[in-house]
Amino acid sequence: MKIISVIIFVVACLWGYGFYKGYSDVENGANLITYKLVSSGMNPVTRHGYKTYFTYFTDLNKRVDDLKDSLDSFGDIFK
């Protein structure tokens, strides 16, 4: 039982660190490039916490959609 508790604690700490890292990156003015670079260097548990913060507590999805719309409008110019 102790081993399972320790494993759960370690996983929760890793996830929480990712969540906190996402929070601190947003406070320091992170952009989409920073988000991709930082999250790609994390382990899967920490990355999930990091992405959770960006997905649910920032306007990242709106910025990604706006970027896609902008790129799509440039595509019409070159057709």
PDB file of N, CA and C in Angstrom:
ATOM      1  N   MET A   1       0.817  -1.196   0.000  1.00  0.00           N
ATOM      2  CA  MET A   1       0.000   0.000   0.000  1.00  0.00           C
ATOM      3  C   MET A   1       0.862   1.262   0.000  1.00  0.00           C
ATOM      4  N   LYS A   2       2.007   1.209   0.688  1.00  0.00           N
ATOM      5  CA  LYS A   2       2.893   2.367   0.724  1.00  0.00           C
ATOM      6  C   LYS A   2       3.441   2.683  -0.669  1.00  0.00           C
ATOM      7  N   ILE A   3       3.760   1.638  -1.417  1.00  0.00           N
ATOM      8  CA  ILE A   3       4.335   1.841  -2.743  1.00  0.00           C
ATOM      9  C   ILE A   3       3.333   2.519  -3.668  1.00  0.00           C
ATOM     10  N   ILE A   4       2.093   2.094  -3.607  1.00  0.00           N
ATOM     11  CA  ILE A   4       1.053   2.703  -4.447  1.00  0.00           C
ATOM     12  C   ILE A   4       0.857   4.165  -4.063  1.00  0.00           C
ATOM     13  N   SER A   5       0.862   4.441  -2.771  1.00  0.00           N
ATOM     14  CA  SER A   5       0.713   5.826  -2.310  1.00  0.00           C
ATOM     15  C   SER A   5       1.866   6.696  -2.793  1.00  0.00           C
ATOM     16  N   VAL A   6       3.078   6.162  -2.746  1.00  0.00           N
ATOM     17  CA  VAL A   6       4.248   6.917  -3.199  1.00  0.00           C
ATOM     18  C   VAL A   6       4.159   7.168  -4.708  1.00  0.00           C
ATOM     19  N   ILE A   7       3.748   6.172  -5.457  1.00  0.00           N
ATOM     20  CA  ILE A   7       3.620   6.339  -6.906  1.00  0.00           C
ATOM     21  C   ILE A   7       2.574   7.398  -7.233  1.00  0.00           C
ATOM     22  N   ILE A   8       1.436   7.345  -6.569  1.00  0.00           N
ATOM     23  CA  ILE A   8       0.388   8.345  -6.791  1.00  0.00           C
ATOM     24  C   ILE A   8       0.891   9.738  -6.421  1.00  0.00           C
ATOM     25  N   PHE A   9       1.621   9.835  -5.318  1.00  0.00           N
ATOM     26  CA  PHE A   9       2.174  11.124  -4.888  1.00  0.00           C
ATOM     27  C   PHE A   9       3.163  11.673  -5.915  1.00  0.00           C
ATOM     28  N   VAL A  10       4.040  10.830  -6.424  1.00  0.00           N
ATOM     29  CA  VAL A  10       5.038  11.271  -7.411  1.00  0.00           C
ATOM     30  C   VAL A  10       4.349  11.726  -8.699  1.00  0.00           C
ATOM     31  N   VAL A  11       3.373  10.959  -9.169  1.00  0.00           N
ATOM     32  CA  VAL A  11       2.640  11.336 -10.387  1.00  0.00           C
ATOM     33  C   VAL A  11       1.906  12.660 -10.165  1.00  0.00           C
ATOM     34  N   ALA A  12       1.285  12.829  -9.016  1.00  0.00           N
ATOM     35  CA  ALA A  12       0.580  14.080  -8.721  1.00  0.00           C
ATOM     36  C   ALA A  12       1.549  15.262  -8.667  1.00  0.00           C
ATOM     37  N   CYS A  13       2.730  15.049  -8.109  1.00  0.00           N
ATOM     38  CA  CYS A  13       3.725  16.122  -8.062  1.00  0.00           C
ATOM     39  C   CYS A  13       4.218  16.483  -9.458  1.00  0.00           C
ATOM     40  N   LEU A  14       4.458  15.494 -10.295  1.00  0.00           N
ATOM     41  CA  LEU A  14       4.898  15.769 -11.662  1.00  0.00           C
ATOM     42  C   LEU A  14       3.832  16.532 -12.439  1.00  0.00           C
ATOM     43  N   TRP A  15       2.580  16.096 -12.310  1.00  0.00           N
ATOM     44  CA  TRP A  15       1.482  16.779 -12.996  1.00  0.00           C
ATOM     45  C   TRP A  15       1.347  18.209 -12.462  1.00  0.00           C
ATOM     46  N   GLY A  16       1.410  18.349 -11.153  1.00  0.00           N
ATOM     47  CA  GLY A  16       1.301  19.676 -10.536  1.00  0.00           C
ATOM     48  C   GLY A  16       2.428  20.603 -10.958  1.00  0.00           C
ATOM     49  N   TYR A  17       3.643  20.060 -11.112  1.00  0.00           N
ATOM     50  CA  TYR A  17       4.756  20.879 -11.578  1.00  0.00           C
ATOM     51  C   TYR A  17       4.483  21.391 -12.988  1.00  0.00           C
ATOM     52  N   GLY A  18       3.961  20.550 -13.849  1.00  0.00           N
ATOM     53  CA  GLY A  18       3.621  20.984 -15.203  1.00  0.00           C
ATOM     54  C   GLY A  18       2.565  22.070 -15.189  1.00  0.00           C
ATOM     55  N   PHE A  19       1.562  21.902 -14.345  1.00  0.00           N
ATOM     56  CA  PHE A  19       0.490  22.893 -14.215  1.00  0.00           C
ATOM     57  C   PHE A  19       1.067  24.224 -13.735  1.00  0.00           C
ATOM     58  N   TYR A  20       1.928  24.164 -12.709  1.00  0.00           N
ATOM     59  CA  TYR A  20       2.551  25.379 -12.183  1.00  0.00           C
ATOM     60  C   TYR A  20       3.471  26.022 -13.220  1.00  0.00           C
ATOM     61  N   LYS A  21       4.203  25.211 -13.968  1.00  0.00           N
ATOM     62  CA  LYS A  21       5.090  25.718 -15.009  1.00  0.00           C
ATOM     63  C   LYS A  21       4.273  26.445 -16.079  1.00  0.00           C
ATOM     64  N   GLY A  22       3.118  25.898 -16.437  1.00  0.00           N
ATOM     65  CA  GLY A  22       2.231  26.578 -17.377  1.00  0.00           C
ATOM     66  C   GLY A  22       1.774  27.919 -16.841  1.00  0.00           C
ATOM     67  N   TYR A  23       1.404  27.943 -15.563  1.00  0.00           N
ATOM     68  CA  TYR A  23       0.979  29.190 -14.923  1.00  0.00           C
ATOM     69  C   TYR A  23       2.097  30.222 -14.944  1.00  0.00           C
ATOM     70  N   SER A  24       3.303  29.812 -14.562  1.00  0.00           N
ATOM     71  CA  SER A  24       4.403  30.773 -14.501  1.00  0.00           C
ATOM     72  C   SER A  24       4.813  31.231 -15.903  1.00  0.00           C
ATOM     73  N   ASP A  25       4.731  30.354 -16.901  1.00  0.00           N
ATOM     74  CA  ASP A  25       5.053  30.764 -18.265  1.00  0.00           C
ATOM     75  C   ASP A  25       4.052  31.803 -18.775  1.00  0.00           C
ATOM     76  N   VAL A  26       2.784  31.615 -18.476  1.00  0.00           N
ATOM     77  CA  VAL A  26       1.768  32.589 -18.898  1.00  0.00           C
ATOM     78  C   VAL A  26       1.994  33.924 -18.194  1.00  0.00           C
ATOM     79  N   GLU A  27       2.335  33.883 -16.925  1.00  0.00           N
ATOM     80  CA  GLU A  27       2.601  35.117 -16.186  1.00  0.00           C
ATOM     81  C   GLU A  27       3.819  35.853 -16.751  1.00  0.00           C
ATOM     82  N   ASN A  28       4.758  35.107 -17.321  1.00  0.00           N
ATOM     83  CA  ASN A  28       5.964  35.714 -17.888  1.00  0.00           C
ATOM     84  C   ASN A  28       5.824  36.020 -19.373  1.00  0.00           C
ATOM     85  N   GLY A  29       4.625  35.878 -19.924  1.00  0.00           N
ATOM     86  CA  GLY A  29       4.362  36.261 -21.304  1.00  0.00           C
ATOM     87  C   GLY A  29       4.675  35.202 -22.342  1.00  0.00           C
ATOM     88  N   ALA A  30       4.386  33.960 -22.046  1.00  0.00           N
ATOM     89  CA  ALA A  30       4.652  32.879 -22.999  1.00  0.00           C
ATOM     90  C   ALA A  30       3.803  33.049 -24.251  1.00  0.00           C
ATOM     91  N   ASN A  31       4.368  32.647 -25.386  1.00  0.00           N
ATOM     92  CA  ASN A  31       3.630  32.662 -26.642  1.00  0.00           C
ATOM     93  C   ASN A  31       3.497  31.233 -27.153  1.00  0.00           C
ATOM     94  N   LEU A  32       2.938  31.066 -28.340  1.00  0.00           N
ATOM     95  CA  LEU A  32       2.707  29.721 -28.870  1.00  0.00           C
ATOM     96  C   LEU A  32       4.010  28.963 -29.113  1.00  0.00           C
ATOM     97  N   ILE A  33       5.045  29.656 -29.523  1.00  0.00           N
ATOM     98  CA  ILE A  33       6.321  28.991 -29.768  1.00  0.00           C
ATOM     99  C   ILE A  33       6.907  28.490 -28.461  1.00  0.00           C
ATOM    100  N   THR A  34       6.859  29.304 -27.434  1.00  0.00           N
ATOM    101  CA  THR A  34       7.344  28.888 -26.121  1.00  0.00           C
ATOM    102  C   THR A  34       6.559  27.685 -25.623  1.00  0.00           C
ATOM    103  N   TYR A  35       5.258  27.722 -25.800  1.00  0.00           N
ATOM    104  CA  TYR A  35       4.399  26.620 -25.371  1.00  0.00           C
ATOM    105  C   TYR A  35       4.827  25.310 -26.023  1.00  0.00           C
ATOM    106  N   LYS A  36       5.052  25.327 -27.329  1.00  0.00           N
ATOM    107  CA  LYS A  36       5.440  24.104 -28.038  1.00  0.00           C
ATOM    108  C   LYS A  36       6.831  23.636 -27.639  1.00  0.00           C
ATOM    109  N   LEU A  37       7.770  24.558 -27.531  1.00  0.00           N
ATOM    110  CA  LEU A  37       9.140  24.176 -27.193  1.00  0.00           C
ATOM    111  C   LEU A  37       9.242  23.619 -25.778  1.00  0.00           C
ATOM    112  N   VAL A  38       8.603  24.276 -24.846  1.00  0.00           N
ATOM    113  CA  VAL A  38       8.683  23.821 -23.454  1.00  0.00           C
ATOM    114  C   VAL A  38       7.963  22.495 -23.289  1.00  0.00           C
ATOM    115  N   SER A  39       6.774  22.360 -23.857  1.00  0.00           N
ATOM    116  CA  SER A  39       6.010  21.131 -23.658  1.00  0.00           C
ATOM    117  C   SER A  39       6.651  19.941 -24.349  1.00  0.00           C
ATOM    118  N   SER A  40       7.388  20.169 -25.424  1.00  0.00           N
ATOM    119  CA  SER A  40       8.007  19.032 -26.118  1.00  0.00           C
ATOM    120  C   SER A  40       9.166  18.444 -25.333  1.00  0.00           C
ATOM    121  N   GLY A  41       9.739  19.203 -24.408  1.00  0.00           N
ATOM    122  CA  GLY A  41      10.856  18.708 -23.619  1.00  0.00           C
ATOM    123  C   GLY A  41      10.462  18.103 -22.283  1.00  0.00           C
ATOM    124  N   MET A  42       9.179  17.954 -22.030  1.00  0.00           N
ATOM    125  CA  MET A  42       8.709  17.436 -20.743  1.00  0.00           C
ATOM    126  C   MET A  42       8.359  15.960 -20.830  1.00  0.00           C
ATOM    127  N   ASN A  43       8.355  15.317 -19.673  1.00  0.00           N
ATOM    128  CA  ASN A  43       7.869  13.940 -19.633  1.00  0.00           C
ATOM    129  C   ASN A  43       6.346  13.967 -19.798  1.00  0.00           C
ATOM    130  N   PRO A  44       5.729  12.848 -20.150  1.00  0.00           N
ATOM    131  CA  PRO A  44       4.293  12.849 -20.465  1.00  0.00           C
ATOM    132  C   PRO A  44       3.386  13.340 -19.332  1.00  0.00           C
ATOM    133  N   VAL A  45       3.699  13.037 -18.108  1.00  0.00           N
ATOM    134  CA  VAL A  45       2.837  13.451 -16.989  1.00  0.00           C
ATOM    135  C   VAL A  45       2.929  14.960 -16.788  1.00  0.00           C
ATOM    136  N   THR A  46       4.134  15.489 -16.776  1.00  0.00           N
ATOM    137  CA  THR A  46       4.325  16.924 -16.619  1.00  0.00           C
ATOM    138  C   THR A  46       3.723  17.675 -17.799  1.00  0.00           C
ATOM    139  N   ARG A  47       3.897  17.143 -19.004  1.00  0.00           N
ATOM    140  CA  ARG A  47       3.335  17.762 -20.208  1.00  0.00           C
ATOM    141  C   ARG A  47       1.811  17.848 -20.111  1.00  0.00           C
ATOM    142  N   HIS A  48       1.185  16.821 -19.568  1.00  0.00           N
ATOM    143  CA  HIS A  48      -0.268  16.838 -19.435  1.00  0.00           C
ATOM    144  C   HIS A  48      -0.719  17.958 -18.504  1.00  0.00           C
ATOM    145  N   GLY A  49      -0.030  18.145 -17.392  1.00  0.00           N
ATOM    146  CA  GLY A  49      -0.354  19.247 -16.490  1.00  0.00           C
ATOM    147  C   GLY A  49      -0.149  20.596 -17.149  1.00  0.00           C
ATOM    148  N   TYR A  50       0.941  20.716 -17.909  1.00  0.00           N
ATOM    149  CA  TYR A  50       1.260  21.955 -18.621  1.00  0.00           C
ATOM    150  C   TYR A  50       0.186  22.273 -19.651  1.00  0.00           C
ATOM    151  N   LYS A  51      -0.195  21.278 -20.447  1.00  0.00           N
ATOM    152  CA  LYS A  51      -1.217  21.474 -21.469  1.00  0.00           C
ATOM    153  C   LYS A  51      -2.587  21.726 -20.848  1.00  0.00           C
ATOM    154  N   THR A  52      -2.864  21.108 -19.709  1.00  0.00           N
ATOM    155  CA  THR A  52      -4.135  21.343 -19.027  1.00  0.00           C
ATOM    156  C   THR A  52      -4.271  22.806 -18.648  1.00  0.00           C
ATOM    157  N   TYR A  53      -3.200  23.386 -18.099  1.00  0.00           N
ATOM    158  CA  TYR A  53      -3.280  24.805 -17.736  1.00  0.00           C
ATOM    159  C   TYR A  53      -3.534  25.653 -18.983  1.00  0.00           C
ATOM    160  N   PHE A  54      -2.778  25.415 -20.043  1.00  0.00           N
ATOM    161  CA  PHE A  54      -2.939  26.219 -21.248  1.00  0.00           C
ATOM    162  C   PHE A  54      -4.308  26.026 -21.884  1.00  0.00           C
ATOM    163  N   THR A  55      -4.850  24.822 -21.822  1.00  0.00           N
ATOM    164  CA  THR A  55      -6.131  24.549 -22.461  1.00  0.00           C
ATOM    165  C   THR A  55      -7.300  25.164 -21.702  1.00  0.00           C
ATOM    166  N   TYR A  56      -7.310  25.026 -20.386  1.00  0.00           N
ATOM    167  CA  TYR A  56      -8.483  25.422 -19.614  1.00  0.00           C
ATOM    168  C   TYR A  56      -8.376  26.781 -18.927  1.00  0.00           C
ATOM    169  N   PHE A  57      -7.193  27.345 -18.807  1.00  0.00           N
ATOM    170  CA  PHE A  57      -7.038  28.579 -18.054  1.00  0.00           C
ATOM    171  C   PHE A  57      -6.436  29.723 -18.858  1.00  0.00           C
ATOM    172  N   THR A  58      -6.267  29.535 -20.160  1.00  0.00           N
ATOM    173  CA  THR A  58      -5.783  30.620 -21.013  1.00  0.00           C
ATOM    174  C   THR A  58      -6.643  30.676 -22.269  1.00  0.00           C
ATOM    175  N   ASP A  59      -6.343  31.648 -23.095  1.00  0.00           N
ATOM    176  CA  ASP A  59      -7.056  31.771 -24.369  1.00  0.00           C
ATOM    177  C   ASP A  59      -6.229  31.161 -25.506  1.00  0.00           C
ATOM    178  N   LEU A  60      -5.436  30.159 -25.196  1.00  0.00           N
ATOM    179  CA  LEU A  60      -4.554  29.541 -26.189  1.00  0.00           C
ATOM    180  C   LEU A  60      -5.332  28.990 -27.372  1.00  0.00           C
ATOM    181  N   ASN A  61      -6.423  28.299 -27.119  1.00  0.00           N
ATOM    182  CA  ASN A  61      -7.201  27.722 -28.222  1.00  0.00           C
ATOM    183  C   ASN A  61      -7.736  28.803 -29.147  1.00  0.00           C
ATOM    184  N   LYS A  62      -8.140  29.930 -28.591  1.00  0.00           N
ATOM    185  CA  LYS A  62      -8.624  31.042 -29.420  1.00  0.00           C
ATOM    186  C   LYS A  62      -7.486  31.592 -30.263  1.00  0.00           C
ATOM    187  N   ARG A  63      -6.298  31.722 -29.675  1.00  0.00           N
ATOM    188  CA  ARG A  63      -5.149  32.230 -30.435  1.00  0.00           C
ATOM    189  C   ARG A  63      -4.754  31.266 -31.550  1.00  0.00           C
ATOM    190  N   VAL A  64      -4.816  29.962 -31.287  1.00  0.00           N
ATOM    191  CA  VAL A  64      -4.501  28.972 -32.316  1.00  0.00           C
ATOM    192  C   VAL A  64      -5.513  29.063 -33.449  1.00  0.00           C
ATOM    193  N   ASP A  65      -6.796  29.178 -33.109  1.00  0.00           N
ATOM    194  CA  ASP A  65      -7.827  29.311 -34.138  1.00  0.00           C
ATOM    195  C   ASP A  65      -7.622  30.583 -34.965  1.00  0.00           C
ATOM    196  N   ASP A  66      -7.277  31.690 -34.290  1.00  0.00           N
ATOM    197  CA  ASP A  66      -7.019  32.938 -35.012  1.00  0.00           C
ATOM    198  C   ASP A  66      -5.829  32.795 -35.948  1.00  0.00           C
ATOM    199  N   LEU A  67      -4.788  32.104 -35.484  1.00  0.00           N
ATOM    200  CA  LEU A  67      -3.610  31.886 -36.320  1.00  0.00           C
ATOM    201  C   LEU A  67      -3.958  31.038 -37.534  1.00  0.00           C
ATOM    202  N   LYS A  68      -4.757  29.990 -37.324  1.00  0.00           N
ATOM    203  CA  LYS A  68      -5.176  29.145 -38.448  1.00  0.00           C
ATOM    204  C   LYS A  68      -5.993  29.943 -39.455  1.00  0.00           C
ATOM    205  N   ASP A  69      -6.893  30.789 -38.952  1.00  0.00           N
ATOM    206  CA  ASP A  69      -7.690  31.625 -39.849  1.00  0.00           C
ATOM    207  C   ASP A  69      -6.808  32.577 -40.649  1.00  0.00           C
ATOM    208  N   SER A  70      -5.800  33.152 -39.991  1.00  0.00           N
ATOM    209  CA  SER A  70      -4.892  34.057 -40.685  1.00  0.00           C
ATOM    210  C   SER A  70      -4.111  33.323 -41.767  1.00  0.00           C
ATOM    211  N   LEU A  71      -3.629  32.139 -41.446  1.00  0.00           N
ATOM    212  CA  LEU A  71      -2.884  31.359 -42.429  1.00  0.00           C
ATOM    213  C   LEU A  71      -3.779  30.940 -43.587  1.00  0.00           C
ATOM    214  N   ASP A  72      -5.021  30.598 -43.285  1.00  0.00           N
ATOM    215  CA  ASP A  72      -5.963  30.240 -44.346  1.00  0.00           C
ATOM    216  C   ASP A  72      -6.232  31.431 -45.267  1.00  0.00           C
ATOM    217  N   SER A  73      -6.305  32.620 -44.704  1.00  0.00           N
ATOM    218  CA  SER A  73      -6.548  33.792 -45.547  1.00  0.00           C
ATOM    219  C   SER A  73      -5.335  34.080 -46.446  1.00  0.00           C
ATOM    220  N   PHE A  74      -4.133  33.790 -45.983  1.00  0.00           N
ATOM    221  CA  PHE A  74      -2.963  33.941 -46.846  1.00  0.00           C
ATOM    222  C   PHE A  74      -2.966  32.901 -47.949  1.00  0.00           C
ATOM    223  N   GLY A  75      -3.483  31.717 -47.653  1.00  0.00           N
ATOM    224  CA  GLY A  75      -3.547  30.671 -48.659  1.00  0.00           C
ATOM    225  C   GLY A  75      -4.403  31.083 -49.830  1.00  0.00           C
ATOM    226  N   ASP A  76      -5.456  31.853 -49.595  1.00  0.00           N
ATOM    227  CA  ASP A  76      -6.329  32.331 -50.675  1.00  0.00           C
ATOM    228  C   ASP A  76      -5.580  33.303 -51.603  1.00  0.00           C
ATOM    229  N   ILE A  77      -4.633  34.026 -51.065  1.00  0.00           N
ATOM    230  CA  ILE A  77      -3.895  34.997 -51.868  1.00  0.00           C
ATOM    231  C   ILE A  77      -3.011  34.280 -52.898  1.00  0.00           C
ATOM    232  N   PHE A  78      -2.408  33.179 -52.482  1.00  0.00           N
ATOM    233  CA  PHE A  78      -1.437  32.498 -53.338  1.00  0.00           C
ATOM    234  C   PHE A  78      -2.044  31.446 -54.251  1.00  0.00           C
ATOM    235  N   LYS A  79      -3.358  31.274 -54.243  1.00  0.00           N
ATOM    236  CA  LYS A  79      -3.999  30.287 -55.102  1.00  0.00           C
ATOM    237  C   LYS A  79      -4.196  30.812 -56.491  1.00  0.00           C
TER     238      LYS A  79
END
